[in-house]
């Protein structure tokens, strides 16, 4: 049968230790039980283990990892109110649901979102409608738990159960992983899809099932649509389809043919997605991802951030590449195996290198977690090989694994929890500001200028239409006296002098320079300061300033 054949080849790859040094593998140790259960051999065990029971038993090692990740993420769910990104996607999702259900006019989110607004935002909005912000964050937690499970299964299929266990534990302990597990944005969904795409491709490369080729490509393209930046990892997943596994023995064809098949299926699905999205989506992809304007962040600052979040993981993965490369040099492993390790490490460093290219820290703490999916597998393989090389008895091998877990995952998890807590504190609690603003907002034609309006729009809801909110990032306004079309600060000044806004809210944070230019004019134009509300985040403290204008009779 296919399972027995694929594993037999895998065992001949030249590994120093069997594929699974300490836990029964459903595709090796229990192959006889599977055959007996399927074929009904006369000498079968009276109570043979079924395929399902074997598969479920294989998941037992990862359950403590998932439980720990869920516990740590659960504690983060209740910290603070909605972050700007969370509020933006949830509010847009509700707007998209209204548009899909009733044809309600909405903003062209597809032109400036870095992912398709009809995917994650709609899903999250449906959850938010019943479970609120906490429900949307729980959705992210479930998705990240599924991603960790996929990391375990990928590592297990490539390097054995112990390697898969270490890979899952290392990935789950990272600060970015815990942060995304309690963060209601499209990152968790995209990362989950990418992780399962990788697992499907690895299954195909090992000759397990033919249909997973299509599943892997489809999940990959779906991840790309959910978050356009996921495209960065497509080449690495495709390369894994050609380099990992036993090669010719998997499907009686060359590795290059496997690459071509996976590449053609993926390319076809990607082209179909582009055709469906058409120009507005492509414009959004270009502006937010492909042709994003470079920033001026020093390379040292980006490197420091990478070292802070995933430095230890990359160090372990690098050691894994060196070890596998040395074994390939000594002809104890194939060069394809060394190439697979190189692809995993390259995927782990893809996000930092890309952000070094455009000199920006924006979303780096989230993007490095996408690469960590791959680096964790290689790091887990390194730890498993080191333990396997000790040639210890079963009991001592378990103790050595526990010691390795404490020495590596322990410190990473300790710092990871603190990092996740810091990330959750990066935005101010706007509860008091929303409470002060809500009585000032009424149904009608009034317009509201808020520095970052999506948080207010999310909490206030349908009482105000999306077009009545304005931010301080950019605007255009026609001067009533001259008829000129103004943009930027002059447009804000003309709109304020014309009392275009009923309420103005500034926090002097994201657009501090613009705020400082507008604040004196607001007071001179008849607006009254009605609230000054303190706020504090990880970067410092400040105040929300709320002005209102009431026309005199």
Protein backbone atom coordinates (compact mmCIF):
# COMPACT_ATOMS: atom_id res chain seq x y z
CA UNK A 1 0.00 0.00 0.00
CA UNK A 2 1.07 3.61 -0.56
CA UNK A 3 1.67 4.38 3.12
CA UNK A 4 4.11 1.51 3.56
CA UNK A 5 5.99 2.32 0.35
CA UNK A 6 6.46 6.01 1.04
CA UNK A 7 7.78 5.40 4.53
CA UNK A 8 10.13 2.69 3.40
CA UNK A 9 11.76 5.17 1.07
CA UNK A 10 11.81 7.80 3.75
CA UNK A 11 13.64 5.44 6.09
CA UNK A 12 16.34 4.97 3.45
CA UNK A 13 17.18 8.67 3.23
CA UNK A 14 20.24 8.19 5.37
CA UNK A 15 18.99 9.62 8.65
CA UNK A 16 21.05 8.64 11.66
CA UNK A 17 17.87 7.86 13.60
CA UNK A 18 14.56 6.37 12.50
CA UNK A 19 11.91 8.79 11.35
CA UNK A 20 10.19 8.54 14.73
CA UNK A 21 12.59 7.92 17.62
CA UNK A 22 10.14 7.82 20.52
CA UNK A 23 6.49 7.75 19.45
CA UNK A 24 4.68 5.17 17.32
CA UNK A 25 4.28 6.52 13.80
CA UNK A 26 0.99 5.61 12.09
CA UNK A 27 2.85 5.21 8.82
CA UNK A 28 5.69 2.98 10.12
CA UNK A 29 5.35 1.25 13.50
CA UNK A 30 1.62 0.71 13.07
CA UNK A 31 1.55 -0.15 9.37
CA UNK A 32 0.82 -3.78 10.18
CA UNK A 33 -2.11 -2.82 12.39
CA UNK A 34 -3.51 -0.70 9.57
CA UNK A 35 -3.14 -3.50 7.06
CA UNK A 36 -4.81 -5.96 9.42
CA UNK A 37 -7.67 -3.60 10.13
CA UNK A 38 -8.25 -3.04 6.43
CA UNK A 39 -7.63 -6.54 5.16
CA UNK A 40 -9.13 -8.57 8.00
CA UNK A 41 -6.16 -10.96 8.31
CA UNK A 42 -6.88 -14.07 10.33
CA UNK A 43 -3.95 -13.49 12.68
CA UNK A 44 -4.95 -9.89 13.35
CA UNK A 45 -5.20 -8.55 16.86
CA UNK A 46 -8.69 -9.22 18.27
CA UNK A 47 -9.05 -5.48 18.76
CA UNK A 48 -7.03 -3.99 15.88
CA UNK A 49 -6.28 -0.30 15.88
CA UNK A 50 -8.19 1.50 13.15
CA UNK A 51 -6.68 4.13 10.90
CA UNK A 52 -8.58 6.84 12.81
CA UNK A 53 -7.33 5.70 16.21
CA UNK A 54 -3.75 5.61 14.95
CA UNK A 55 -4.07 9.09 13.51
CA UNK A 56 -5.59 10.43 16.71
CA UNK A 57 -2.84 8.84 18.78
CA UNK A 58 -0.29 10.63 16.63
CA UNK A 59 -1.75 13.96 17.79
CA UNK A 60 -1.22 13.27 21.50
CA UNK A 61 2.28 14.81 21.70
CA UNK A 62 1.08 18.19 20.42
CA UNK A 63 -1.91 18.49 22.74
CA UNK A 64 0.09 19.97 25.67
CA UNK A 65 1.56 22.55 23.28
CA UNK A 66 -1.87 23.55 22.03
CA UNK A 67 -3.22 23.72 25.57
CA UNK A 68 -0.38 25.99 26.69
CA UNK A 69 -0.80 28.25 23.66
CA UNK A 70 -4.55 28.48 24.22
CA UNK A 71 -4.09 29.33 27.90
CA UNK A 72 -1.55 32.09 27.24
CA UNK A 73 -3.57 33.52 24.36
CA UNK A 74 -6.77 33.44 26.41
CA UNK A 75 -5.17 35.73 28.98
CA UNK A 76 -4.42 38.25 26.23
CA UNK A 77 -7.95 38.29 24.81
CA UNK A 78 -9.22 40.66 27.46
CA UNK A 79 -6.45 43.26 27.28
CA UNK A 80 -7.60 46.67 26.05
CA UNK A 81 -10.31 47.52 23.55
CA UNK A 82 -10.10 47.28 19.76
CA UNK A 83 -6.83 48.27 18.14
CA UNK A 84 -7.07 50.44 15.02
CA UNK A 85 -6.42 47.51 12.67
CA UNK A 86 -8.98 45.32 14.44
CA UNK A 87 -11.62 48.04 14.36
CA UNK A 88 -10.87 48.78 10.70
CA UNK A 89 -11.37 45.21 9.49
CA UNK A 90 -14.39 44.53 11.69
CA UNK A 91 -16.11 47.76 10.67
CA UNK A 92 -15.31 47.17 7.00
CA UNK A 93 -16.57 43.61 7.35
CA UNK A 94 -19.94 44.81 8.62
CA UNK A 95 -20.09 47.24 5.70
CA UNK A 96 -19.25 44.45 3.24
CA UNK A 97 -21.95 42.21 4.74
CA UNK A 98 -24.51 44.98 4.25
CA UNK A 99 -23.32 45.48 0.69
CA UNK A 100 -23.47 41.78 -0.15
CA UNK A 101 -26.87 41.30 1.48
CA UNK A 102 -28.65 44.52 0.55
CA UNK A 103 -26.46 46.32 -2.01
CA UNK A 104 -25.71 49.15 0.45
CA UNK A 105 -23.11 51.58 -0.98
CA UNK A 106 -19.77 51.29 0.83
CA UNK A 107 -16.21 52.56 0.56
CA UNK A 108 -13.90 50.96 -2.00
CA UNK A 109 -11.95 49.02 0.62
CA UNK A 110 -10.42 46.79 -2.05
CA UNK A 111 -8.36 49.73 -3.33
CA UNK A 112 -6.51 50.34 -0.06
CA UNK A 113 -6.75 47.13 1.98
CA UNK A 114 -3.76 44.77 1.93
CA UNK A 115 -6.11 41.80 1.61
CA UNK A 116 -9.45 41.07 -0.02
CA UNK A 117 -12.16 42.80 2.10
CA UNK A 118 -14.74 40.13 1.21
CA UNK A 119 -12.76 37.36 2.93
CA UNK A 120 -11.48 37.83 6.48
CA UNK A 121 -13.40 41.07 7.25
CA UNK A 122 -16.71 39.41 6.34
CA UNK A 123 -15.92 36.27 8.34
CA UNK A 124 -14.80 38.31 11.36
CA UNK A 125 -17.85 40.59 11.12
CA UNK A 126 -20.18 37.59 11.23
CA UNK A 127 -18.42 36.37 14.37
CA UNK A 128 -18.39 39.89 15.83
CA UNK A 129 -22.15 40.17 15.31
CA UNK A 130 -22.69 37.44 17.89
CA UNK A 131 -19.51 37.35 19.98
CA UNK A 132 -18.27 40.91 19.77
CA UNK A 133 -14.57 41.79 19.75
CA UNK A 134 -13.79 38.90 22.09
CA UNK A 135 -15.45 36.48 19.68
CA UNK A 136 -13.37 37.81 16.79
CA UNK A 137 -10.23 37.40 18.86
CA UNK A 138 -11.23 33.86 19.82
CA UNK A 139 -11.53 33.15 16.08
CA UNK A 140 -7.90 34.26 15.68
CA UNK A 141 -6.88 32.04 18.59
CA UNK A 142 -8.52 29.01 16.96
CA UNK A 143 -6.83 29.78 13.65
CA UNK A 144 -3.42 30.11 15.29
CA UNK A 145 -3.93 26.84 17.16
CA UNK A 146 -4.67 25.21 13.81
CA UNK A 147 -1.49 26.78 12.43
CA UNK A 148 0.53 25.29 15.30
CA UNK A 149 -1.05 21.91 14.61
CA UNK A 150 -0.02 22.21 10.95
CA UNK A 151 3.55 23.03 12.00
CA UNK A 152 3.59 19.89 14.13
CA UNK A 153 2.23 17.70 11.34
CA UNK A 154 4.65 19.16 8.80
CA UNK A 155 7.65 18.63 11.07
CA UNK A 156 6.46 15.15 11.94
CA UNK A 157 6.03 14.12 8.30
CA UNK A 158 9.43 15.50 7.32
CA UNK A 159 11.61 14.64 10.32
CA UNK A 160 9.63 12.56 12.83
CA UNK A 161 7.34 13.07 15.80
CA UNK A 162 9.96 14.48 18.15
CA UNK A 163 10.97 17.08 15.56
CA UNK A 164 7.33 17.97 14.99
CA UNK A 165 6.78 18.37 18.72
CA UNK A 166 9.75 20.71 19.09
CA UNK A 167 8.70 22.65 15.99
CA UNK A 168 5.19 23.21 17.35
CA UNK A 169 6.46 24.14 20.81
CA UNK A 170 8.99 26.63 19.44
CA UNK A 171 6.41 28.24 17.16
CA UNK A 172 3.73 28.44 19.85
CA UNK A 173 6.14 30.02 22.35
CA UNK A 174 7.02 32.99 20.13
CA UNK A 175 5.74 36.42 21.12
CA UNK A 176 4.35 37.15 17.61
CA UNK A 177 2.46 33.83 17.65
CA UNK A 178 0.83 34.60 21.00
CA UNK A 179 0.06 38.13 19.86
CA UNK A 180 -1.66 37.00 16.67
CA UNK A 181 -3.56 34.41 18.71
CA UNK A 182 -5.40 37.28 20.42
CA UNK A 183 -5.50 39.81 17.59
CA UNK A 184 -8.54 40.13 15.33
CA UNK A 185 -6.88 40.81 11.97
CA UNK A 186 -6.47 38.80 8.79
CA UNK A 187 -2.94 37.70 9.75
CA UNK A 188 -4.15 34.69 11.74
CA UNK A 189 -6.32 33.39 8.89
CA UNK A 190 -3.62 33.91 6.26
CA UNK A 191 -0.98 32.27 8.44
CA UNK A 192 -3.24 29.30 9.17
CA UNK A 193 -3.96 28.77 5.47
CA UNK A 194 -0.27 29.05 4.62
CA UNK A 195 0.66 26.51 7.29
CA UNK A 196 -1.84 23.95 6.03
CA UNK A 197 -0.83 24.61 2.45
CA UNK A 198 2.73 23.75 3.42
CA UNK A 199 1.61 20.53 5.08
CA UNK A 200 -0.43 19.48 2.04
CA UNK A 201 2.52 20.13 -0.28
CA UNK A 202 4.83 18.10 1.97
CA UNK A 203 2.33 15.23 1.93
CA UNK A 204 2.32 15.35 -1.86
CA UNK A 205 6.11 15.42 -2.01
CA UNK A 206 6.24 12.29 0.17
CA UNK A 207 3.82 10.44 -2.10
CA UNK A 208 1.03 10.15 0.44
CA UNK A 209 -1.92 11.43 -1.63
CA UNK A 210 -2.38 12.94 -5.06
CA UNK A 211 -5.30 15.22 -4.24
CA UNK A 212 -3.32 17.20 -1.67
CA UNK A 213 -1.49 18.86 -4.56
CA UNK A 214 -4.68 20.73 -5.44
CA UNK A 215 -5.53 21.37 -1.79
CA UNK A 216 -2.09 22.80 -1.12
CA UNK A 217 -2.20 25.11 -4.13
CA UNK A 218 -5.75 26.24 -3.34
CA UNK A 219 -4.94 27.01 0.30
CA UNK A 220 -1.84 28.88 -0.80
CA UNK A 221 -3.76 31.13 -3.18
CA UNK A 222 -6.54 31.64 -0.63
CA UNK A 223 -3.90 32.78 1.88
CA UNK A 224 -2.56 35.19 -0.75
CA UNK A 225 -6.03 36.66 -1.23
CA UNK A 226 -6.62 36.99 2.51
CA UNK A 227 -3.30 38.82 2.94
CA UNK A 228 -1.39 39.82 -0.16
CA UNK A 229 1.97 39.68 1.61
CA UNK A 230 1.55 35.89 1.84
CA UNK A 231 2.71 35.76 -1.78
CA UNK A 232 6.24 36.16 -0.45
CA UNK A 233 6.24 32.54 0.74
CA UNK A 234 4.71 30.93 -2.36
CA UNK A 235 8.07 30.16 -4.00
CA UNK A 236 9.35 28.45 -0.85
CA UNK A 237 6.27 26.23 -0.55
CA UNK A 238 6.55 25.28 -4.22
CA UNK A 239 10.25 24.47 -3.76
CA UNK A 240 9.38 22.22 -0.83
CA UNK A 241 7.09 20.32 -3.18
CA UNK A 242 10.08 19.45 -5.34
CA UNK A 243 12.91 19.09 -2.85
CA UNK A 244 11.36 17.36 0.15
CA UNK A 245 10.36 13.72 0.21
CA UNK A 246 11.91 10.70 -1.51
CA UNK A 247 11.88 12.21 -5.00
CA UNK A 248 11.31 9.75 -7.84
CA UNK A 249 9.99 7.05 -5.52
CA UNK A 250 7.03 9.21 -4.49
CA UNK A 251 5.20 9.39 -7.84
CA UNK A 252 7.62 7.73 -10.28
CA UNK A 253 8.63 11.09 -11.71
CA UNK A 254 11.47 13.55 -11.20
CA UNK A 255 11.58 16.30 -8.59
CA UNK A 256 11.54 18.91 -11.36
CA UNK A 257 8.28 17.46 -12.66
CA UNK A 258 6.77 17.76 -9.18
CA UNK A 259 7.85 21.41 -9.16
CA UNK A 260 6.27 21.99 -12.56
CA UNK A 261 2.99 20.38 -11.59
CA UNK A 262 2.70 22.36 -8.36
CA UNK A 263 3.79 25.56 -10.09
CA UNK A 264 1.26 25.17 -12.91
CA UNK A 265 -1.65 24.47 -10.56
CA UNK A 266 -0.70 27.37 -8.30
CA UNK A 267 -0.19 29.75 -11.21
CA UNK A 268 -3.55 28.84 -12.73
CA UNK A 269 -5.39 29.43 -9.47
CA UNK A 270 -3.56 32.72 -8.90
CA UNK A 271 -4.47 33.92 -12.39
CA UNK A 272 -8.09 32.98 -11.73
CA UNK A 273 -8.05 34.99 -8.49
CA UNK A 274 -6.67 38.03 -10.32
CA UNK A 275 -9.35 37.77 -13.01
CA UNK A 276 -12.10 37.55 -10.37
CA UNK A 277 -10.72 40.52 -8.41
CA UNK A 278 -10.10 42.66 -11.49
CA UNK A 279 -8.67 46.18 -11.45
CA UNK A 280 -9.77 47.51 -8.01
CA UNK A 281 -8.23 44.56 -6.18
CA UNK A 282 -5.10 44.69 -8.30
CA UNK A 283 -4.74 48.40 -7.52
CA UNK A 284 -4.98 47.61 -3.82
CA UNK A 285 -2.37 44.88 -4.17
CA UNK A 286 -0.01 47.24 -5.98
CA UNK A 287 -0.37 50.14 -3.54
CA UNK A 288 -0.26 48.16 -0.29
CA UNK A 289 2.17 45.38 -1.13
CA UNK A 290 4.03 45.30 -4.43
CA UNK A 291 4.92 48.98 -4.90
CA UNK A 292 4.81 50.06 -1.27
CA UNK A 293 6.76 53.28 -0.74
CA UNK A 294 10.10 52.74 1.05
CA UNK A 295 10.53 54.20 4.51
CA UNK A 296 13.66 55.43 6.28
CA UNK A 297 13.99 53.00 9.18
CA UNK A 298 17.68 52.09 9.72
CA UNK A 299 18.68 48.51 8.99
CA UNK A 300 19.95 48.18 12.55
CA UNK A 301 16.50 48.87 13.97
CA UNK A 302 14.96 46.20 11.75
CA UNK A 303 17.67 43.71 12.66
CA UNK A 304 17.16 44.43 16.35
CA UNK A 305 13.43 43.78 16.03
CA UNK A 306 14.01 40.48 14.20
CA UNK A 307 16.55 39.34 16.81
CA UNK A 308 14.15 40.32 19.57
CA UNK A 309 11.19 38.37 18.19
CA UNK A 310 12.61 35.32 16.39
CA UNK A 311 16.39 35.53 16.83
CA UNK A 312 16.67 32.40 18.97
CA UNK A 313 14.49 30.43 16.56
CA UNK A 314 16.58 31.48 13.55
CA UNK A 315 19.75 30.52 15.44
CA UNK A 316 18.43 27.00 16.04
CA UNK A 317 17.28 26.75 12.42
CA UNK A 318 20.73 27.83 11.22
CA UNK A 319 22.32 25.11 13.34
CA UNK A 320 19.87 22.68 11.78
CA UNK A 321 20.95 23.70 8.28
CA UNK A 322 24.62 23.36 9.20
CA UNK A 323 24.05 19.90 10.68
CA UNK A 324 22.04 18.63 7.72
CA UNK A 325 24.51 20.20 5.30
CA UNK A 326 27.38 18.45 7.06
CA UNK A 327 25.53 15.13 6.91
CA UNK A 328 24.92 15.65 3.19
CA UNK A 329 28.63 16.41 2.73
CA UNK A 330 29.43 13.14 4.47
CA UNK A 331 26.96 11.36 2.14
CA UNK A 332 24.72 10.39 5.05
CA UNK A 333 21.90 12.51 3.61
CA UNK A 334 20.99 13.51 0.07
CA UNK A 335 21.69 17.00 -1.21
CA UNK A 336 17.95 17.34 -1.79
CA UNK A 337 17.54 17.03 1.99
CA UNK A 338 20.11 19.79 2.46
CA UNK A 339 18.29 21.88 -0.14
CA UNK A 340 15.03 21.38 1.76
CA UNK A 341 16.68 22.67 4.93
CA UNK A 342 18.02 25.68 3.04
CA UNK A 343 14.53 26.47 1.72
CA UNK A 344 13.09 26.30 5.24
CA UNK A 345 15.70 28.70 6.59
CA UNK A 346 15.35 31.04 3.60
CA UNK A 347 11.59 31.16 4.16
CA UNK A 348 12.22 32.03 7.79
CA UNK A 349 14.34 35.03 6.81
CA UNK A 350 12.19 36.20 3.88
CA UNK A 351 10.15 38.77 5.82
CA UNK A 352 13.13 40.47 7.51
CA UNK A 353 15.02 40.67 4.22
CA UNK A 354 12.01 42.11 2.42
CA UNK A 355 11.49 44.76 5.08
CA UNK A 356 15.19 45.59 5.01
CA UNK A 357 14.68 46.22 1.30
CA UNK A 358 12.01 48.85 1.92
CA UNK A 359 13.44 50.05 5.25
CA UNK A 360 10.27 49.72 7.32
CA UNK A 361 9.26 48.24 10.66
CA UNK A 362 5.56 48.33 9.77
CA UNK A 363 3.94 44.97 10.63
CA UNK A 364 7.35 43.32 11.03
CA UNK A 365 6.29 41.76 14.33
CA UNK A 366 3.49 39.99 12.43
CA UNK A 367 5.33 39.14 9.22
CA UNK A 368 8.20 37.38 10.99
CA UNK A 369 5.69 34.87 12.32
CA UNK A 370 4.89 33.74 8.78
CA UNK A 371 8.53 32.84 8.26
CA UNK A 372 8.65 31.24 11.70
CA UNK A 373 6.31 28.54 10.36
CA UNK A 374 9.18 27.22 8.28
CA UNK A 375 12.12 27.99 10.54
CA UNK A 376 10.43 26.18 13.44
CA UNK A 377 10.34 22.93 11.44
CA UNK A 378 14.08 23.10 10.79
CA UNK A 379 14.82 24.10 14.39
CA UNK A 380 12.73 21.18 15.64
CA UNK A 381 14.63 18.82 13.35
CA UNK A 382 17.93 20.06 14.79
CA UNK A 383 16.88 19.43 18.39
CA UNK A 384 15.48 16.00 17.52
CA UNK A 385 18.69 15.01 15.72
CA UNK A 386 20.87 16.12 18.61
CA UNK A 387 18.84 13.98 21.01
CA UNK A 388 18.82 11.07 18.56
CA UNK A 389 22.59 11.23 18.19
CA UNK A 390 23.00 10.56 21.92
CA UNK A 391 21.93 6.91 21.45
CA UNK A 392 20.19 6.94 24.82
CA UNK A 393 17.73 4.38 26.19
CA UNK A 394 14.08 5.27 25.79
CA UNK A 395 13.65 6.69 29.32
CA UNK A 396 16.81 8.76 29.19
CA UNK A 397 15.88 9.95 25.72
CA UNK A 398 12.61 11.29 27.12
CA UNK A 399 14.54 13.07 29.88
CA UNK A 400 16.91 14.55 27.31
CA UNK A 401 13.94 15.80 25.30
CA UNK A 402 12.49 17.41 28.43
CA UNK A 403 15.83 19.07 29.16
CA UNK A 404 16.06 20.37 25.59
CA UNK A 405 12.52 21.68 25.87
CA UNK A 406 13.34 23.52 29.09
CA UNK A 407 16.59 24.92 27.70
CA UNK A 408 15.15 26.23 24.42
CA UNK A 409 11.38 26.56 24.45
CA UNK A 410 11.36 27.68 28.08
CA UNK A 411 13.34 30.92 27.60
CA UNK A 412 11.68 31.64 24.25
CA UNK A 413 8.27 31.25 25.86
CA UNK A 414 9.25 33.38 28.86
CA UNK A 415 10.25 36.27 26.62
CA UNK A 416 7.43 35.51 24.20
CA UNK A 417 4.75 36.08 26.81
CA UNK A 418 6.29 39.43 27.75
CA UNK A 419 6.61 40.42 24.09
CA UNK A 420 2.99 39.54 23.37
CA UNK A 421 1.85 41.58 26.37
CA UNK A 422 3.88 44.56 25.10
CA UNK A 423 2.38 44.22 21.62
CA UNK A 424 -1.12 44.21 23.10
CA UNK A 425 -0.27 47.43 24.97
CA UNK A 426 0.92 49.28 21.86
CA UNK A 427 -2.37 51.12 21.41
CA UNK A 428 -4.19 53.35 23.90
CA UNK A 429 -7.41 52.33 25.59
CA UNK A 430 -10.05 54.46 23.89
CA UNK A 431 -12.97 53.43 26.11
CA UNK A 432 -13.20 56.83 27.82
CA UNK A 433 -12.90 58.65 24.50
CA UNK A 434 -15.70 56.59 22.96
CA UNK A 435 -17.89 57.20 26.01
CA UNK A 436 -17.37 60.96 25.66
CA UNK A 437 -17.86 60.96 21.89
CA UNK A 438 -20.95 58.77 21.71
CA UNK A 439 -23.45 61.35 23.09
CA UNK A 440 -22.13 63.88 20.57
CA UNK A 441 -22.87 61.67 17.56
CA UNK A 442 -26.39 61.74 16.15
CA UNK A 443 -28.27 60.45 13.13
CA UNK A 444 -28.29 63.03 10.39
CA UNK A 445 -25.94 64.67 7.89
CA UNK A 446 -23.25 65.83 10.36
CA UNK A 447 -19.63 64.96 9.62
CA UNK A 448 -16.98 63.92 12.15
CA UNK A 449 -13.23 64.47 11.90
CA UNK A 450 -11.37 61.89 14.00
CA UNK A 451 -7.65 61.24 13.78
CA UNK A 452 -8.22 57.48 13.44
CA UNK A 453 -11.97 57.17 12.87
CA UNK A 454 -12.35 53.40 12.51
CA UNK A 455 -12.22 52.73 16.25
CA UNK A 456 -15.02 55.23 16.85
CA UNK A 457 -16.93 53.99 13.78
CA UNK A 458 -16.71 50.37 14.99
CA UNK A 459 -18.04 51.11 18.46
CA UNK A 460 -20.70 53.64 17.45
CA UNK A 461 -21.90 51.42 14.61
CA UNK A 462 -24.63 52.13 12.09
CA UNK A 463 -25.80 55.34 13.76
CA UNK A 464 -23.42 57.17 11.42
CA UNK A 465 -22.77 56.32 7.77
CA UNK A 466 -19.26 55.43 6.66
CA UNK A 467 -19.00 58.56 4.49
CA UNK A 468 -19.64 60.84 7.48
CA UNK A 469 -16.33 59.90 9.09
CA UNK A 470 -13.11 61.65 8.08
CA UNK A 471 -9.51 61.10 9.21
CA UNK A 472 -6.57 63.48 9.48
CA UNK A 473 -4.30 61.55 7.12
CA UNK A 474 -5.54 63.20 3.93
CA UNK A 475 -8.59 64.93 2.52
CA UNK A 476 -9.89 67.07 -0.31
CA UNK A 477 -12.23 70.04 0.07
CA UNK A 478 -13.64 72.64 -2.30
CA UNK A 479 -13.26 76.18 -0.98
CA UNK A 480 -16.73 77.74 -1.05
CA UNK A 481 -15.38 81.24 -1.65
CA UNK A 482 -12.97 80.54 -4.50
CA UNK A 483 -14.24 77.23 -5.84
CA UNK A 484 -10.71 75.79 -5.70
CA UNK A 485 -10.19 72.11 -4.95
CA UNK A 486 -7.82 71.89 -1.98
CA UNK A 487 -5.90 68.93 -0.57
CA UNK A 488 -3.80 68.26 2.52
CA UNK A 489 -3.58 70.74 5.40
CA UNK A 490 -5.11 73.64 3.38
CA UNK A 491 -8.17 71.44 2.75
CA UNK A 492 -8.51 70.69 6.47
CA UNK A 493 -8.16 74.38 7.31
CA UNK A 494 -10.81 75.43 4.80
CA UNK A 495 -13.19 72.70 6.01
CA UNK A 496 -12.74 73.74 9.64
CA UNK A 497 -13.28 77.41 8.87
CA UNK A 498 -16.45 76.45 6.99
CA UNK A 499 -17.60 74.39 10.01
CA UNK A 500 -17.76 71.30 7.81
CA UNK A 501 -17.33 69.04 10.86
CA UNK A 502 -19.71 68.88 13.82
CA UNK A 503 -17.14 67.17 16.06
CA UNK A 504 -13.33 67.03 15.87
CA UNK A 505 -11.20 64.50 17.80
CA UNK A 506 -7.39 64.74 17.82
CA UNK A 507 -4.86 62.70 19.79
CA UNK A 508 -1.56 64.10 18.45
CA UNK A 509 -0.18 60.61 17.74
CA UNK A 510 -0.36 59.19 14.21
CA UNK A 511 -0.68 62.59 12.48
CA UNK A 512 0.90 64.77 15.16
CA UNK A 513 2.34 67.30 12.69
CA UNK A 514 -1.02 67.90 11.04
CA UNK A 515 -2.76 68.03 14.42
CA UNK A 516 -0.40 70.73 15.66
CA UNK A 517 -1.15 72.84 12.60
CA UNK A 518 -4.91 72.45 12.97
CA UNK A 519 -5.36 72.80 16.74
CA UNK A 520 -4.96 76.62 16.94
CA UNK A 521 -7.33 77.13 14.01
CA UNK A 522 -9.99 74.90 15.60
CA UNK A 523 -10.25 77.18 18.62
CA UNK A 524 -10.36 80.33 16.49
CA UNK A 525 -13.11 78.94 14.25
CA UNK A 526 -15.83 78.75 16.89
CA UNK A 527 -15.29 75.17 18.07
CA UNK A 528 -15.54 74.49 21.79
CA UNK A 529 -13.22 72.09 23.61
CA UNK A 530 -15.60 69.80 25.51
CA UNK A 531 -13.28 67.01 26.66
CA UNK A 532 -9.60 66.35 27.33
CA UNK A 533 -9.20 62.64 28.03
CA UNK A 534 -5.84 61.09 29.05
CA UNK A 535 -4.56 57.97 27.34
CA UNK A 536 -1.49 55.80 27.71
CA UNK A 537 0.18 53.07 25.68
CA UNK A 538 3.55 51.34 25.43
CA UNK A 539 5.02 54.37 23.64
CA UNK A 540 3.97 56.97 26.19
CA UNK A 541 1.00 59.04 27.31
CA UNK A 542 -1.13 61.80 25.85
CA UNK A 543 -4.67 63.14 25.59
CA UNK A 544 -7.69 62.94 23.34
CA UNK A 545 -9.06 66.41 22.60
CA UNK A 546 -12.72 66.66 21.56
CA UNK A 547 -14.17 69.85 20.06
CA UNK A 548 -17.77 70.48 19.04
CA UNK A 549 -19.37 73.22 16.98
CA UNK A 550 -22.88 74.49 17.51
CA UNK A 551 -24.21 76.97 14.99
CA UNK A 552 -25.48 80.21 16.53
CA UNK A 553 -29.02 81.20 15.56
